[in-house]
Amino acid sequence: MNPRQRRGVLLMVVAAIGAVAVFASVFTYLSGQQERLGDFATVLRLTEAVDAYQPVGEDSVERVQVPSAYFDPEVFLTDLAEVETPADQQLVAASHLEAGVYLQRGMVQPQPTLTAGEREIAIMVDAETGVAGKVRRGSFVDIYGTFTPRDHGEACAVRIITEVEVLDIGELRTQEGEGGGVSGVVPVTFRLDPESALQLAYAEDFSTKLRLALVSADGGGSPGDAEFCSGDFDTLVEGETTNGRRTPHGG
């Protein structure tokens, strides 16, 4: 074997050692990633967009394998049968769902059962001022909206609906505001007569903020006036000050 052949053999040996080293490094990295991610779980992913209260069936989802470290089975659905549904009802979307969404519990629900003349409507409510963890399915609430003044009118807080039952509360999600900020919102579902549903839809779009007020289980009692405006506030705080503090009008 001449020197040129020996150099060629040496280079081949070095290249083989390098290939083995690269393979070992890749194998070690992949093994580490596998250990970090853990086992894989099966979750459901929507194959098409579904509007609120439209059916969600087996033909609307696909089963995909995902790292179980990032997909808690207590949060994500692995099978539509996990949602308890009466035999005469089908599953529907709790709100509009985009294609490609991984289904979480609360995103689908049994189809609402409405009586003649009723409408079911869902609104997005601020998670802090509207729900705060105390309002739940079956709770009775008053719904308030605050409105800014228009055409030299007054700013008002208005009770839109009194003592309405909460049918369902969806999962917390984020929503971008008009100013670019992001806030947490929760879809809350009610069953209303057509006139009340119309009023609530208007309030959701045109009020500055919607609030839910939890009604006592013993009853709401007399709800009082349906609105409170800036003029009422001015009247309330009129009067002389006493010891540097304002007293209520007539006090």
Protein backbone atom coordinates (compact mmCIF):
# COMPACT_ATOMS: atom_id res chain seq x y z
CA MET A 1 0.00 0.00 0.00
CA ASN A 2 1.59 3.25 -1.10
CA PRO A 3 1.40 6.50 0.93
CA ARG A 4 -1.50 7.89 -1.15
CA GLN A 5 -3.58 4.78 -0.48
CA ARG A 6 -2.77 4.92 3.21
CA ARG A 7 -3.92 8.58 3.36
CA GLY A 8 -7.15 7.61 1.58
CA VAL A 9 -7.85 4.80 4.03
CA LEU A 10 -7.09 7.13 6.95
CA LEU A 11 -9.51 9.73 5.63
CA MET A 12 -12.20 7.09 5.22
CA VAL A 13 -11.68 5.94 8.81
CA VAL A 14 -11.87 9.52 10.10
CA ALA A 15 -15.04 10.15 8.07
CA ALA A 16 -16.61 6.96 9.45
CA ILE A 17 -15.75 7.98 13.02
CA GLY A 18 -17.25 11.44 12.39
CA ALA A 19 -20.44 9.91 10.99
CA VAL A 20 -20.76 7.68 14.04
CA ALA A 21 -20.20 10.68 16.33
CA VAL A 22 -22.88 12.74 14.52
CA PHE A 23 -25.35 9.84 14.66
CA ALA A 24 -24.68 9.40 18.39
CA SER A 25 -25.19 13.14 19.00
CA VAL A 26 -28.48 13.19 17.08
CA PHE A 27 -29.69 10.05 18.84
CA THR A 28 -28.79 11.52 22.25
CA TYR A 29 -30.58 14.78 21.43
CA LEU A 30 -33.72 13.02 20.22
CA SER A 31 -33.73 10.78 23.29
CA GLY A 32 -33.44 13.83 25.52
CA GLN A 33 -36.32 15.53 23.72
CA GLN A 34 -38.42 12.39 24.04
CA GLU A 35 -37.74 12.23 27.77
CA ARG A 36 -38.59 15.93 28.16
CA LEU A 37 -41.82 15.68 26.21
CA GLY A 38 -42.85 12.39 27.74
CA ASP A 39 -45.49 10.18 26.19
CA PHE A 40 -47.82 11.25 23.42
CA ALA A 41 -51.56 11.67 23.83
CA THR A 42 -54.46 11.70 21.39
CA VAL A 43 -56.51 14.89 21.15
CA LEU A 44 -59.25 16.10 18.83
CA ARG A 45 -58.62 18.84 16.26
CA LEU A 46 -61.32 20.53 14.21
CA THR A 47 -61.03 19.98 10.48
CA GLU A 48 -63.48 22.78 9.62
CA ALA A 49 -64.77 26.02 11.11
CA VAL A 50 -67.96 25.63 13.16
CA ASP A 51 -70.31 28.48 14.06
CA ALA A 52 -71.80 28.81 17.52
CA TYR A 53 -74.48 26.17 18.27
CA GLN A 54 -73.79 24.27 15.05
CA PRO A 55 -73.28 20.48 15.32
CA VAL A 56 -69.84 19.04 16.04
CA GLY A 57 -69.60 15.37 15.06
CA GLU A 58 -67.01 12.76 14.24
CA ASP A 59 -66.82 14.08 10.67
CA SER A 60 -65.79 17.51 12.02
CA VAL A 61 -62.72 16.33 13.95
CA GLU A 62 -59.54 14.38 13.49
CA ARG A 63 -57.43 12.59 16.07
CA VAL A 64 -53.83 13.74 16.33
CA GLN A 65 -50.89 12.68 18.46
CA VAL A 66 -49.42 15.46 20.61
CA PRO A 67 -46.89 15.62 23.48
CA SER A 68 -48.81 14.88 26.66
CA ALA A 69 -46.61 17.37 28.53
CA TYR A 70 -48.41 20.24 26.79
CA PHE A 71 -51.91 18.78 26.49
CA ASP A 72 -53.54 18.10 29.84
CA PRO A 73 -56.26 15.43 29.45
CA GLU A 74 -58.29 17.32 32.05
CA VAL A 75 -58.43 20.27 29.64
CA PHE A 76 -58.37 18.79 26.14
CA LEU A 77 -60.86 16.32 24.70
CA THR A 78 -59.62 12.96 23.50
CA ASP A 79 -63.05 11.72 22.43
CA LEU A 80 -66.42 13.41 21.86
CA ALA A 81 -68.02 10.69 23.99
CA GLU A 82 -66.35 12.28 27.04
CA VAL A 83 -68.98 15.04 26.94
CA GLU A 84 -72.13 13.79 28.65
CA THR A 85 -74.96 14.23 26.17
CA PRO A 86 -78.59 13.11 26.50
CA ALA A 87 -79.63 10.49 23.97
CA ASP A 88 -81.94 12.87 22.09
CA GLN A 89 -79.38 15.69 21.81
CA GLN A 90 -76.25 16.23 19.75
CA LEU A 91 -73.07 18.12 20.50
CA VAL A 92 -72.78 21.72 19.29
CA ALA A 93 -70.09 24.41 19.47
CA ALA A 94 -70.41 26.71 22.49
CA SER A 95 -69.06 29.60 20.37
CA HIS A 96 -67.54 30.10 16.93
CA LEU A 97 -64.56 27.75 16.50
CA GLU A 98 -61.93 28.05 13.79
CA ALA A 99 -60.59 25.10 11.81
CA GLY A 100 -57.45 23.64 13.40
CA VAL A 101 -58.51 24.35 16.99
CA TYR A 102 -57.69 21.64 19.53
CA LEU A 103 -60.96 20.96 21.32
CA GLN A 104 -61.05 21.80 25.00
CA ARG A 105 -63.74 20.95 27.51
CA GLY A 106 -66.34 23.72 27.37
CA MET A 107 -65.86 24.37 23.65
CA VAL A 108 -68.60 21.84 22.86
CA GLN A 109 -71.80 21.19 24.76
CA PRO A 110 -75.11 19.35 24.38
CA GLN A 111 -77.54 21.08 22.04
CA PRO A 112 -79.71 23.48 24.06
CA THR A 113 -83.31 22.50 24.63
CA LEU A 114 -85.54 25.48 23.97
CA THR A 115 -89.26 25.81 24.51
CA ALA A 116 -91.55 27.61 22.08
CA GLY A 117 -90.69 31.30 21.77
CA GLU A 118 -87.31 31.10 23.51
CA ARG A 119 -83.95 32.14 22.12
CA GLU A 120 -80.52 31.06 23.33
CA ILE A 121 -77.83 33.71 23.13
CA ALA A 122 -74.19 33.83 24.21
CA ILE A 123 -72.23 37.00 24.98
CA MET A 124 -68.59 37.62 25.82
CA VAL A 125 -68.20 38.96 29.35
CA ASP A 126 -65.08 40.36 30.98
CA ALA A 127 -63.66 37.60 33.15
CA GLU A 128 -62.88 39.92 36.08
CA THR A 129 -65.80 42.33 36.26
CA GLY A 130 -68.37 39.96 34.84
CA VAL A 131 -67.78 36.53 36.33
CA ALA A 132 -64.95 36.57 38.88
CA GLY A 133 -65.31 32.82 39.48
CA LYS A 134 -68.59 33.07 41.43
CA VAL A 135 -71.18 32.97 38.65
CA ARG A 136 -71.72 29.40 37.49
CA ARG A 137 -74.10 27.36 35.39
CA GLY A 138 -77.54 27.58 36.99
CA SER A 139 -76.83 30.91 38.73
CA PHE A 140 -79.32 33.75 38.41
CA VAL A 141 -77.89 37.15 37.56
CA ASP A 142 -78.82 40.70 36.68
CA ILE A 143 -77.08 42.05 33.58
CA TYR A 144 -75.89 45.66 33.65
CA GLY A 145 -74.46 47.82 30.89
CA THR A 146 -72.74 51.20 31.12
CA PHE A 147 -73.27 53.65 28.26
CA THR A 148 -71.30 56.79 27.45
CA PRO A 149 -73.22 60.03 26.75
CA ARG A 150 -74.35 60.69 23.19
CA ASP A 151 -75.56 63.93 21.60
CA HIS A 152 -75.19 65.89 24.82
CA GLY A 153 -77.06 63.22 26.76
CA GLU A 154 -76.06 61.62 30.03
CA ALA A 155 -73.83 58.69 30.81
CA CYS A 156 -75.93 55.91 32.28
CA ALA A 157 -75.67 52.51 33.93
CA VAL A 158 -78.66 50.40 32.91
CA ARG A 159 -79.98 47.09 34.16
CA ILE A 160 -80.59 45.31 30.86
CA ILE A 161 -82.19 42.13 32.23
CA THR A 162 -83.28 41.11 35.72
CA GLU A 163 -82.84 37.65 37.25
CA VAL A 164 -81.95 35.55 34.21
CA GLU A 165 -80.53 32.03 34.52
CA VAL A 166 -77.02 31.26 33.29
CA LEU A 167 -77.21 28.20 31.07
CA ASP A 168 -73.50 27.75 30.52
CA ILE A 169 -70.10 29.39 31.00
CA GLY A 170 -67.35 28.62 28.51
CA GLU A 171 -63.59 28.51 28.85
CA LEU A 172 -61.53 31.62 29.58
CA ARG A 173 -60.00 33.07 26.42
CA THR A 174 -58.25 36.26 25.36
CA GLN A 175 -59.73 39.03 23.25
CA GLU A 176 -58.03 42.04 21.74
CA GLY A 177 -59.69 45.35 22.55
CA GLU A 178 -60.16 48.35 20.28
CA GLY A 179 -57.12 50.05 21.82
CA GLY A 180 -54.90 47.07 21.14
CA GLY A 181 -54.90 45.70 24.68
CA VAL A 182 -55.70 42.09 25.49
CA SER A 183 -58.20 41.04 28.16
CA GLY A 184 -59.65 37.80 29.44
CA VAL A 185 -63.23 37.11 28.41
CA VAL A 186 -65.67 34.27 29.04
CA PRO A 187 -68.63 33.26 26.86
CA VAL A 188 -71.80 33.19 28.96
CA THR A 189 -75.00 31.67 27.59
CA PHE A 190 -78.58 32.65 28.44
CA ARG A 191 -82.04 31.52 27.34
CA LEU A 192 -84.29 34.54 26.74
CA ASP A 193 -87.47 35.68 25.09
CA PRO A 194 -86.89 37.44 21.72
CA GLU A 195 -87.22 40.98 23.10
CA SER A 196 -84.73 40.39 25.92
CA ALA A 197 -82.31 38.68 23.52
CA LEU A 198 -82.50 41.74 21.25
CA GLN A 199 -81.80 44.10 24.16
CA LEU A 200 -78.84 42.02 25.29
CA ALA A 201 -77.38 41.87 21.78
CA TYR A 202 -77.59 45.66 21.54
CA ALA A 203 -76.00 46.13 24.95
CA GLU A 204 -73.11 43.81 24.10
CA ASP A 205 -72.24 45.80 20.98
CA PHE A 206 -72.84 49.37 22.17
CA SER A 207 -72.24 49.44 25.92
CA THR A 208 -68.85 50.42 27.30
CA LYS A 209 -68.87 47.35 29.52
CA LEU A 210 -71.25 44.57 30.53
CA ARG A 211 -71.37 43.29 34.09
CA LEU A 212 -73.10 40.34 35.73
CA ALA A 213 -74.48 40.76 39.24
CA LEU A 214 -75.09 37.50 41.10
CA VAL A 215 -78.59 37.27 42.58
CA SER A 216 -79.07 35.67 45.99
CA ALA A 217 -80.40 32.12 46.06
CA ASP A 218 -83.12 33.45 48.36
CA GLY A 219 -84.38 35.77 45.63
CA GLY A 220 -83.52 39.16 44.22
CA GLY A 221 -86.07 41.18 46.17
CA SER A 222 -87.03 44.57 44.77
CA PRO A 223 -84.48 45.49 42.08
CA GLY A 224 -85.16 49.23 42.28
CA ASP A 225 -84.67 51.64 39.39
CA ALA A 226 -83.57 50.22 36.04
CA GLU A 227 -81.00 52.93 35.35
CA PHE A 228 -78.71 55.44 37.04
CA CYS A 229 -77.40 58.37 35.02
CA SER A 230 -74.90 61.16 35.51
CA GLY A 231 -77.66 63.60 36.37
CA ASP A 232 -78.80 61.33 39.18
CA PHE A 233 -75.24 61.24 40.51
CA ASP A 234 -75.01 65.03 40.47
CA THR A 235 -78.24 65.22 42.48
CA LEU A 236 -76.98 62.58 44.89
CA VAL A 237 -73.84 64.50 45.82
CA GLU A 238 -75.39 67.96 45.90
CA GLY A 239 -75.48 69.85 49.17
CA GLU A 240 -73.24 71.48 51.63
CA THR A 241 -70.01 69.82 52.73
CA THR A 242 -69.60 68.94 56.35
CA ASN A 243 -66.11 68.64 57.86
CA GLY A 244 -64.63 68.62 54.42
CA ARG A 245 -66.82 65.69 53.29
CA ARG A 246 -69.85 65.76 51.03
CA THR A 247 -73.13 64.58 52.46
CA PRO A 248 -75.87 62.94 50.42
CA HIS A 249 -78.55 65.25 49.10
CA GLY A 250 -81.18 65.76 51.75
CA GLY A 251 -78.94 64.29 54.44
